[in-house]
Amino acid sequence: MYSINLILALSAASAVNAHMKVTLANGNLGGSMPALAIQDGVPRFGKNDATEVDTTVFGGNPTKPTSSGLGKTNAQGKITVDNMLKAAMAMGGGTIPTVSSTGGHVNGTIRVVTSDGAPNNEKGEVFAVIDTTGQGNFKDSAVLMAQTNGVGKKGNVVQRSLFRAYILTLRTLGIRRRATNVGADLSFSVKIPDGTTCTGTDAKSGASNFCVLKIANDNAAGPFGGSVVFAVSNGGTSGATSPTTGGGAQTRRRRADFKA
């Protein structure tokens, strides 16, 4: 039996302009931070104009994630490393996700805000593209895949038993306007190719030797996703450097509570 409070919360949001965002990324050797342009205090449930303010929209061909640029958000406009890396690092406690030079991976949490922010296919895959220069230049990058624990079809939600039950319950309650899969969290993981070398630098945050990882679905209304920064270990230590920070709100690791 599904909680009546959960169902009512889900019903409060419209599915008209749905989105997906990367709320947290971790390296297999430590370090964590949200995607660039993620903001504190954005509600998980509610109207689209409240829940989607920090969701990245990349634009362009949804099947070609190698288009350059880091996208834009409603709240902050065009996303750039120099304007947003310092804030993202502060939200992660001043760290950058760090991965092994061989067998390394970035994992974390993707939030499906509403129904067109889902994975690409029933395997649960979304695109992952690395810019080793750390600025968002993806045109020469290989297309990888991030694996999630959800399902989708061209970036749209695939309705399974949970959602059928949810819709039937809404109808029983006399609620017609609904959003599918609002606020659902998915876990994701991306294998970083062995031997990846990062050369990114950013004067405002003081960080250097980092890469940018673009996570995007293939929804034609977006695509949606986010861009996270990571570093590759250099002989057991992080290849990236960053200033010591004593403050910054530590972003908690969020539990992936969505089951397809």
C-alpha atoms as a PDB file:
ATOM      1  CA  MET A   1       0.000   0.000   0.000  1.00  0.00           C
ATOM      2  CA  TYR A   2       1.414   3.383  -0.980  1.00  0.00           C
ATOM      3  CA  SER A   3       1.384   6.247   1.487  1.00  0.00           C
ATOM      4  CA  ILE A   4      -1.520   8.621   0.874  1.00  0.00           C
ATOM      5  CA  ASN A   5       0.782  11.521   1.812  1.00  0.00           C
ATOM      6  CA  LEU A   6       3.323  10.441  -0.825  1.00  0.00           C
ATOM      7  CA  ILE A   7       0.644  10.174  -3.474  1.00  0.00           C
ATOM      8  CA  LEU A   8      -0.739  13.609  -2.649  1.00  0.00           C
ATOM      9  CA  ALA A   9       2.772  15.083  -2.757  1.00  0.00           C
ATOM     10  CA  LEU A  10       3.408  13.495  -6.137  1.00  0.00           C
ATOM     11  CA  SER A  11       0.137  14.811  -7.485  1.00  0.00           C
ATOM     12  CA  ALA A  12       1.051  18.401  -6.631  1.00  0.00           C
ATOM     13  CA  ALA A  13       3.463  18.829  -9.545  1.00  0.00           C
ATOM     14  CA  SER A  14       2.739  19.073 -13.243  1.00  0.00           C
ATOM     15  CA  ALA A  15       4.575  16.908 -15.783  1.00  0.00           C
ATOM     16  CA  VAL A  16       4.657  19.587 -18.450  1.00  0.00           C
ATOM     17  CA  ASN A  17       8.320  20.659 -18.313  1.00  0.00           C
ATOM     18  CA  ALA A  18      10.038  17.853 -16.495  1.00  0.00           C
ATOM     19  CA  HIS A  19      13.746  17.581 -15.777  1.00  0.00           C
ATOM     20  CA  MET A  20      16.613  15.486 -14.440  1.00  0.00           C
ATOM     21  CA  LYS A  21      19.577  16.749 -12.423  1.00  0.00           C
ATOM     22  CA  VAL A  22      22.731  15.395 -10.775  1.00  0.00           C
ATOM     23  CA  THR A  23      22.459  16.161  -7.078  1.00  0.00           C
ATOM     24  CA  LEU A  24      25.633  14.414  -5.936  1.00  0.00           C
ATOM     25  CA  ALA A  25      28.795  12.850  -7.404  1.00  0.00           C
ATOM     26  CA  ASN A  26      31.451  10.821  -5.572  1.00  0.00           C
ATOM     27  CA  GLY A  27      34.833   9.487  -6.645  1.00  0.00           C
ATOM     28  CA  ASN A  28      35.817   5.919  -5.798  1.00  0.00           C
ATOM     29  CA  LEU A  29      38.807   7.318  -3.850  1.00  0.00           C
ATOM     30  CA  GLY A  30      36.741   9.930  -2.032  1.00  0.00           C
ATOM     31  CA  GLY A  31      35.548  13.480  -2.447  1.00  0.00           C
ATOM     32  CA  SER A  32      32.034  14.584  -3.331  1.00  0.00           C
ATOM     33  CA  MET A  33      30.180  17.535  -4.783  1.00  0.00           C
ATOM     34  CA  PRO A  34      26.947  18.293  -6.654  1.00  0.00           C
ATOM     35  CA  ALA A  35      26.795  19.179 -10.322  1.00  0.00           C
ATOM     36  CA  LEU A  36      27.629  22.724 -11.342  1.00  0.00           C
ATOM     37  CA  ALA A  37      24.732  25.157 -10.713  1.00  0.00           C
ATOM     38  CA  ILE A  38      22.945  22.960  -8.147  1.00  0.00           C
ATOM     39  CA  GLN A  39      21.521  25.116  -5.360  1.00  0.00           C
ATOM     40  CA  ASP A  40      20.676  24.498  -1.709  1.00  0.00           C
ATOM     41  CA  GLY A  41      17.049  24.737  -0.676  1.00  0.00           C
ATOM     42  CA  VAL A  42      15.381  23.730  -3.953  1.00  0.00           C
ATOM     43  CA  PRO A  43      12.270  21.710  -3.021  1.00  0.00           C
ATOM     44  CA  ARG A  44      12.034  18.078  -4.045  1.00  0.00           C
ATOM     45  CA  PHE A  45       8.267  18.275  -4.574  1.00  0.00           C
ATOM     46  CA  GLY A  46       6.147  21.159  -5.765  1.00  0.00           C
ATOM     47  CA  LYS A  47       5.384  23.255  -8.813  1.00  0.00           C
ATOM     48  CA  ASN A  48       7.745  23.078 -11.785  1.00  0.00           C
ATOM     49  CA  ASP A  49       8.850  26.680 -11.427  1.00  0.00           C
ATOM     50  CA  ALA A  50      10.105  25.851  -7.922  1.00  0.00           C
ATOM     51  CA  THR A  51      11.587  22.377  -8.404  1.00  0.00           C
ATOM     52  CA  GLU A  52      13.353  22.931 -11.742  1.00  0.00           C
ATOM     53  CA  VAL A  53      15.261  26.160 -11.089  1.00  0.00           C
ATOM     54  CA  ASP A  54      18.671  24.444 -10.838  1.00  0.00           C
ATOM     55  CA  THR A  55      18.150  21.703 -13.429  1.00  0.00           C
ATOM     56  CA  THR A  56      20.589  21.776 -16.348  1.00  0.00           C
ATOM     57  CA  VAL A  57      19.124  21.921 -19.853  1.00  0.00           C
ATOM     58  CA  PHE A  58      21.783  21.190 -22.475  1.00  0.00           C
ATOM     59  CA  GLY A  59      19.845  21.743 -25.692  1.00  0.00           C
ATOM     60  CA  GLY A  60      21.046  20.517 -29.052  1.00  0.00           C
ATOM     61  CA  ASN A  61      20.664  17.086 -30.632  1.00  0.00           C
ATOM     62  CA  PRO A  62      19.557  14.663 -27.877  1.00  0.00           C
ATOM     63  CA  THR A  63      21.379  11.736 -29.521  1.00  0.00           C
ATOM     64  CA  LYS A  64      24.705  13.588 -29.830  1.00  0.00           C
ATOM     65  CA  PRO A  65      25.931  14.461 -26.328  1.00  0.00           C
ATOM     66  CA  THR A  66      29.340  15.603 -27.609  1.00  0.00           C
ATOM     67  CA  SER A  67      28.031  19.088 -28.350  1.00  0.00           C
ATOM     68  CA  SER A  68      30.127  21.556 -26.388  1.00  0.00           C
ATOM     69  CA  GLY A  69      28.885  23.683 -23.532  1.00  0.00           C
ATOM     70  CA  LEU A  70      27.631  23.007 -20.020  1.00  0.00           C
ATOM     71  CA  GLY A  71      24.030  24.041 -20.606  1.00  0.00           C
ATOM     72  CA  LYS A  72      21.959  26.499 -18.617  1.00  0.00           C
ATOM     73  CA  THR A  73      19.530  26.663 -15.689  1.00  0.00           C
ATOM     74  CA  ASN A  74      16.497  28.854 -15.079  1.00  0.00           C
ATOM     75  CA  ALA A  75      18.064  30.323 -11.948  1.00  0.00           C
ATOM     76  CA  GLN A  76      21.579  31.141 -13.141  1.00  0.00           C
ATOM     77  CA  GLY A  77      21.516  31.091 -16.924  1.00  0.00           C
ATOM     78  CA  LYS A  78      24.557  29.843 -18.836  1.00  0.00           C
ATOM     79  CA  ILE A  79      26.735  27.446 -16.838  1.00  0.00           C
ATOM     80  CA  THR A  80      30.501  27.947 -16.837  1.00  0.00           C
ATOM     81  CA  VAL A  81      33.233  26.419 -14.725  1.00  0.00           C
ATOM     82  CA  ASP A  82      34.719  29.746 -13.702  1.00  0.00           C
ATOM     83  CA  ASN A  83      31.379  31.040 -12.406  1.00  0.00           C
ATOM     84  CA  MET A  84      30.117  27.915 -10.637  1.00  0.00           C
ATOM     85  CA  LEU A  85      32.886  25.507  -9.605  1.00  0.00           C
ATOM     86  CA  LYS A  86      33.763  27.397  -6.414  1.00  0.00           C
ATOM     87  CA  ALA A  87      30.161  27.229  -5.154  1.00  0.00           C
ATOM     88  CA  ALA A  88      29.807  23.539  -6.041  1.00  0.00           C
ATOM     89  CA  MET A  89      33.018  22.726  -4.183  1.00  0.00           C
ATOM     90  CA  ALA A  90      31.800  24.624  -1.133  1.00  0.00           C
ATOM     91  CA  MET A  91      28.614  22.545  -1.101  1.00  0.00           C
ATOM     92  CA  GLY A  92      30.808  19.433  -1.075  1.00  0.00           C
ATOM     93  CA  GLY A  93      32.962  20.658   1.799  1.00  0.00           C
ATOM     94  CA  GLY A  94      35.768  21.919  -0.448  1.00  0.00           C
ATOM     95  CA  THR A  95      36.509  18.567  -2.109  1.00  0.00           C
ATOM     96  CA  ILE A  96      36.578  17.245  -5.661  1.00  0.00           C
ATOM     97  CA  PRO A  97      35.566  13.644  -6.440  1.00  0.00           C
ATOM     98  CA  THR A  98      38.743  11.656  -7.066  1.00  0.00           C
ATOM     99  CA  VAL A  99      39.028   8.399  -8.997  1.00  0.00           C
ATOM    100  CA  SER A 100      41.708   5.748  -9.475  1.00  0.00           C
ATOM    101  CA  SER A 101      43.942   5.993 -12.546  1.00  0.00           C
ATOM    102  CA  THR A 102      42.928   2.419 -13.392  1.00  0.00           C
ATOM    103  CA  GLY A 103      39.482   1.020 -12.637  1.00  0.00           C
ATOM    104  CA  GLY A 104      38.222   4.385 -11.464  1.00  0.00           C
ATOM    105  CA  HIS A 105      34.581   5.377 -11.399  1.00  0.00           C
ATOM    106  CA  VAL A 106      32.336   8.302 -10.527  1.00  0.00           C
ATOM    107  CA  ASN A 107      29.030   7.447  -8.894  1.00  0.00           C
ATOM    108  CA  GLY A 108      26.294   9.404  -7.219  1.00  0.00           C
ATOM    109  CA  THR A 109      22.651  10.449  -7.412  1.00  0.00           C
ATOM    110  CA  ILE A 110      20.455  11.598 -10.279  1.00  0.00           C
ATOM    111  CA  ARG A 111      17.107  13.139  -9.411  1.00  0.00           C
ATOM    112  CA  VAL A 112      14.222  12.573 -11.829  1.00  0.00           C
ATOM    113  CA  VAL A 113      12.200  15.699 -11.181  1.00  0.00           C
ATOM    114  CA  THR A 114       9.298  14.652 -13.412  1.00  0.00           C
ATOM    115  CA  SER A 115       8.542  12.376 -16.311  1.00  0.00           C
ATOM    116  CA  ASP A 116      10.917  13.456 -19.112  1.00  0.00           C
ATOM    117  CA  GLY A 117      13.969  13.357 -16.849  1.00  0.00           C
ATOM    118  CA  ALA A 118      14.343   9.558 -16.962  1.00  0.00           C
ATOM    119  CA  PRO A 119      17.146   7.358 -18.377  1.00  0.00           C
ATOM    120  CA  ASN A 120      17.543   6.695 -22.109  1.00  0.00           C
ATOM    121  CA  ASN A 121      16.411   3.080 -22.185  1.00  0.00           C
ATOM    122  CA  GLU A 122      15.261   0.056 -20.213  1.00  0.00           C
ATOM    123  CA  LYS A 123      18.890  -0.760 -19.385  1.00  0.00           C
ATOM    124  CA  GLY A 124      18.886   2.409 -17.281  1.00  0.00           C
ATOM    125  CA  GLU A 125      21.653   4.108 -19.274  1.00  0.00           C
ATOM    126  CA  VAL A 126      22.312   7.810 -19.743  1.00  0.00           C
ATOM    127  CA  PHE A 127      25.075   9.452 -21.735  1.00  0.00           C
ATOM    128  CA  ALA A 128      28.386  10.326 -20.084  1.00  0.00           C
ATOM    129  CA  VAL A 129      31.041  12.440 -21.814  1.00  0.00           C
ATOM    130  CA  ILE A 130      34.387  13.618 -20.417  1.00  0.00           C
ATOM    131  CA  ASP A 131      36.187  16.873 -21.200  1.00  0.00           C
ATOM    132  CA  THR A 132      39.774  16.483 -19.987  1.00  0.00           C
ATOM    133  CA  THR A 133      40.411  20.236 -20.375  1.00  0.00           C
ATOM    134  CA  GLY A 134      37.796  20.928 -17.691  1.00  0.00           C
ATOM    135  CA  GLN A 135      35.918  23.661 -19.550  1.00  0.00           C
ATOM    136  CA  GLY A 136      33.044  21.890 -21.327  1.00  0.00           C
ATOM    137  CA  ASN A 137      34.623  21.184 -24.713  1.00  0.00           C
ATOM    138  CA  PHE A 138      33.125  17.794 -25.576  1.00  0.00           C
ATOM    139  CA  LYS A 139      33.292  17.796 -29.389  1.00  0.00           C
ATOM    140  CA  ASP A 140      36.275  15.421 -29.554  1.00  0.00           C
ATOM    141  CA  SER A 141      35.211  13.249 -26.626  1.00  0.00           C
ATOM    142  CA  ALA A 142      34.217   9.594 -26.679  1.00  0.00           C
ATOM    143  CA  VAL A 143      30.642   8.845 -25.615  1.00  0.00           C
ATOM    144  CA  LEU A 144      30.477   6.666 -22.511  1.00  0.00           C
ATOM    145  CA  MET A 145      27.391   5.459 -20.681  1.00  0.00           C
ATOM    146  CA  ALA A 146      26.401   5.968 -17.062  1.00  0.00           C
ATOM    147  CA  GLN A 147      24.476   3.088 -15.526  1.00  0.00           C
ATOM    148  CA  THR A 148      21.512   3.883 -13.274  1.00  0.00           C
ATOM    149  CA  ASN A 149      19.090   1.756 -11.283  1.00  0.00           C
ATOM    150  CA  GLY A 150      16.084   3.124 -13.176  1.00  0.00           C
ATOM    151  CA  VAL A 151      14.505   2.616 -16.577  1.00  0.00           C
ATOM    152  CA  GLY A 152      13.329   4.922 -19.325  1.00  0.00           C
ATOM    153  CA  LYS A 153      12.571   5.292 -23.015  1.00  0.00           C
ATOM    154  CA  LYS A 154      14.212   8.192 -24.827  1.00  0.00           C
ATOM    155  CA  GLY A 155      14.437  10.030 -21.534  1.00  0.00           C
ATOM    156  CA  ASN A 156      10.811   9.457 -20.571  1.00  0.00           C
ATOM    157  CA  VAL A 157       9.489   7.423 -17.669  1.00  0.00           C
ATOM    158  CA  VAL A 158       8.502   3.845 -18.430  1.00  0.00           C
ATOM    159  CA  GLN A 159       5.448   3.195 -16.315  1.00  0.00           C
ATOM    160  CA  ARG A 160       5.731   0.007 -14.323  1.00  0.00           C
ATOM    161  CA  SER A 161       3.606  -1.482 -11.549  1.00  0.00           C
ATOM    162  CA  LEU A 162       4.416   1.277  -9.031  1.00  0.00           C
ATOM    163  CA  PHE A 163       3.248   4.006 -11.361  1.00  0.00           C
ATOM    164  CA  ARG A 164       0.172   2.101 -12.500  1.00  0.00           C
ATOM    165  CA  ALA A 165      -0.804   1.694  -8.845  1.00  0.00           C
ATOM    166  CA  TYR A 166      -0.054   5.368  -8.232  1.00  0.00           C
ATOM    167  CA  ILE A 167      -2.250   6.485 -11.138  1.00  0.00           C
ATOM    168  CA  LEU A 168      -5.105   4.189 -10.133  1.00  0.00           C
ATOM    169  CA  THR A 169      -4.962   5.581  -6.600  1.00  0.00           C
ATOM    170  CA  LEU A 170      -5.062   9.161  -7.884  1.00  0.00           C
ATOM    171  CA  ARG A 171      -8.129   8.346  -9.933  1.00  0.00           C
ATOM    172  CA  THR A 172      -9.758   6.785  -6.900  1.00  0.00           C
ATOM    173  CA  LEU A 173      -9.120  10.038  -5.040  1.00  0.00           C
ATOM    174  CA  GLY A 174     -10.588  12.032  -7.907  1.00  0.00           C
ATOM    175  CA  ILE A 175      -7.238  13.654  -8.760  1.00  0.00           C
ATOM    176  CA  ARG A 176      -6.751  14.094 -12.503  1.00  0.00           C
ATOM    177  CA  ARG A 177      -3.695  16.306 -12.828  1.00  0.00           C
ATOM    178  CA  ARG A 178      -0.600  14.289 -12.037  1.00  0.00           C
ATOM    179  CA  ALA A 179       3.150  14.013 -12.567  1.00  0.00           C
ATOM    180  CA  THR A 180       4.842  10.683 -12.972  1.00  0.00           C
ATOM    181  CA  ASN A 181       7.958   9.833 -10.971  1.00  0.00           C
ATOM    182  CA  VAL A 182       8.286  13.238  -9.284  1.00  0.00           C
ATOM    183  CA  GLY A 183      11.342  13.644  -7.045  1.00  0.00           C
ATOM    184  CA  ALA A 184      12.633  10.090  -7.554  1.00  0.00           C
ATOM    185  CA  ASP A 185      16.355   9.535  -6.891  1.00  0.00           C
ATOM    186  CA  LEU A 186      18.418   7.112  -8.971  1.00  0.00           C
ATOM    187  CA  SER A 187      21.950   5.954  -8.273  1.00  0.00           C
ATOM    188  CA  PHE A 188      24.415   6.152 -11.169  1.00  0.00           C
ATOM    189  CA  SER A 189      27.942   4.972 -11.923  1.00  0.00           C
ATOM    190  CA  VAL A 190      30.369   5.830 -14.734  1.00  0.00           C
ATOM    191  CA  LYS A 191      33.566   3.897 -15.477  1.00  0.00           C
ATOM    192  CA  ILE A 192      36.378   6.383 -16.163  1.00  0.00           C
ATOM    193  CA  PRO A 193      38.717   5.143 -18.920  1.00  0.00           C
ATOM    194  CA  ASP A 194      42.113   4.024 -17.637  1.00  0.00           C
ATOM    195  CA  GLY A 195      44.865   6.537 -18.267  1.00  0.00           C
ATOM    196  CA  THR A 196      42.595   9.592 -18.321  1.00  0.00           C
ATOM    197  CA  THR A 197      44.609  12.762 -17.700  1.00  0.00           C
ATOM    198  CA  CYS A 198      42.877  15.934 -16.508  1.00  0.00           C
ATOM    199  CA  THR A 199      44.261  19.393 -17.245  1.00  0.00           C
ATOM    200  CA  GLY A 200      41.485  21.736 -16.145  1.00  0.00           C
ATOM    201  CA  THR A 201      42.274  24.858 -14.106  1.00  0.00           C
ATOM    202  CA  ASP A 202      40.057  27.431 -12.426  1.00  0.00           C
ATOM    203  CA  ALA A 203      41.393  30.613 -10.862  1.00  0.00           C
ATOM    204  CA  LYS A 204      38.348  31.467  -8.735  1.00  0.00           C
ATOM    205  CA  SER A 205      38.223  28.141  -6.884  1.00  0.00           C
ATOM    206  CA  GLY A 206      41.981  27.551  -7.029  1.00  0.00           C
ATOM    207  CA  ALA A 207      41.401  24.046  -8.414  1.00  0.00           C
ATOM    208  CA  SER A 208      43.603  22.477 -11.077  1.00  0.00           C
ATOM    209  CA  ASN A 209      44.135  19.166 -12.861  1.00  0.00           C
ATOM    210  CA  PHE A 210      40.436  18.300 -13.103  1.00  0.00           C
ATOM    211  CA  CYS A 211      38.088  16.984 -15.784  1.00  0.00           C
ATOM    212  CA  VAL A 212      34.394  17.715 -16.394  1.00  0.00           C
ATOM    213  CA  LEU A 213      31.948  14.820 -16.729  1.00  0.00           C
ATOM    214  CA  LYS A 214      28.696  15.585 -18.551  1.00  0.00           C
ATOM    215  CA  ILE A 215      25.711  13.388 -17.655  1.00  0.00           C
ATOM    216  CA  ALA A 216      22.741  13.744 -20.018  1.00  0.00           C
ATOM    217  CA  ASN A 217      19.656  11.836 -21.060  1.00  0.00           C
ATOM    218  CA  ASP A 218      18.392  11.733 -24.647  1.00  0.00           C
ATOM    219  CA  ASN A 219      15.068  13.494 -24.205  1.00  0.00           C
ATOM    220  CA  ALA A 220      14.286  15.801 -27.114  1.00  0.00           C
ATOM    221  CA  ALA A 221      12.761  18.371 -24.738  1.00  0.00           C
ATOM    222  CA  GLY A 222      16.176  18.816 -23.072  1.00  0.00           C
ATOM    223  CA  PRO A 223      18.411  16.976 -22.965  1.00  0.00           C
ATOM    224  CA  PHE A 224      18.590  17.134 -19.161  1.00  0.00           C
ATOM    225  CA  GLY A 225      21.282  16.220 -16.656  1.00  0.00           C
ATOM    226  CA  GLY A 226      24.307  17.942 -15.154  1.00  0.00           C
ATOM    227  CA  SER A 227      28.073  18.441 -15.259  1.00  0.00           C
ATOM    228  CA  VAL A 228      30.360  17.334 -12.443  1.00  0.00           C
ATOM    229  CA  VAL A 229      34.058  17.872 -11.854  1.00  0.00           C
ATOM    230  CA  PHE A 230      36.425  15.034 -10.950  1.00  0.00           C
ATOM    231  CA  ALA A 231      40.148  14.370 -10.648  1.00  0.00           C
ATOM    232  CA  VAL A 232      42.273  11.304 -11.362  1.00  0.00           C
ATOM    233  CA  SER A 233      44.586   9.957  -8.672  1.00  0.00           C
ATOM    234  CA  ASN A 234      48.275  10.457  -9.270  1.00  0.00           C
ATOM    235  CA  GLY A 235      49.985   7.516  -7.570  1.00  0.00           C
ATOM    236  CA  GLY A 236      47.570   7.153  -4.665  1.00  0.00           C
ATOM    237  CA  THR A 237      46.845  10.848  -4.161  1.00  0.00           C
ATOM    238  CA  SER A 238      44.486  13.171  -5.956  1.00  0.00           C
ATOM    239  CA  GLY A 239      45.802  14.629  -9.183  1.00  0.00           C
ATOM    240  CA  ALA A 240      43.802  17.772  -8.486  1.00  0.00           C
ATOM    241  CA  THR A 241      44.717  20.623  -6.202  1.00  0.00           C
ATOM    242  CA  SER A 242      42.262  22.903  -4.422  1.00  0.00           C
ATOM    243  CA  PRO A 243      42.468  25.454  -1.622  1.00  0.00           C
ATOM    244  CA  THR A 244      41.790  24.322   1.940  1.00  0.00           C
ATOM    245  CA  THR A 245      38.288  25.277   2.982  1.00  0.00           C
ATOM    246  CA  GLY A 246      37.106  25.274   6.515  1.00  0.00           C
ATOM    247  CA  GLY A 247      33.464  26.059   5.758  1.00  0.00           C
ATOM    248  CA  GLY A 248      30.863  25.090   3.208  1.00  0.00           C
ATOM    249  CA  ALA A 249      27.697  23.189   3.770  1.00  0.00           C
ATOM    250  CA  GLN A 250      28.514  19.505   3.518  1.00  0.00           C
ATOM    251  CA  THR A 251      26.158  17.868   1.074  1.00  0.00           C
ATOM    252  CA  ARG A 252      24.809  14.618   2.468  1.00  0.00           C
ATOM    253  CA  ARG A 253      24.925  11.496   0.361  1.00  0.00           C
ATOM    254  CA  ARG A 254      21.335  10.917  -0.685  1.00  0.00           C
ATOM    255  CA  ARG A 255      19.827   7.444  -0.656  1.00  0.00           C
ATOM    256  CA  ALA A 256      18.596   6.210  -4.031  1.00  0.00           C
ATOM    257  CA  ASP A 257      15.032   5.454  -3.041  1.00  0.00           C
ATOM    258  CA  PHE A 258      13.615   4.826  -6.504  1.00  0.00           C
ATOM    259  CA  LYS A 259      12.931   1.275  -7.608  1.00  0.00           C
ATOM    260  CA  ALA A 260      11.844   0.642 -11.180  1.00  0.00           C
END
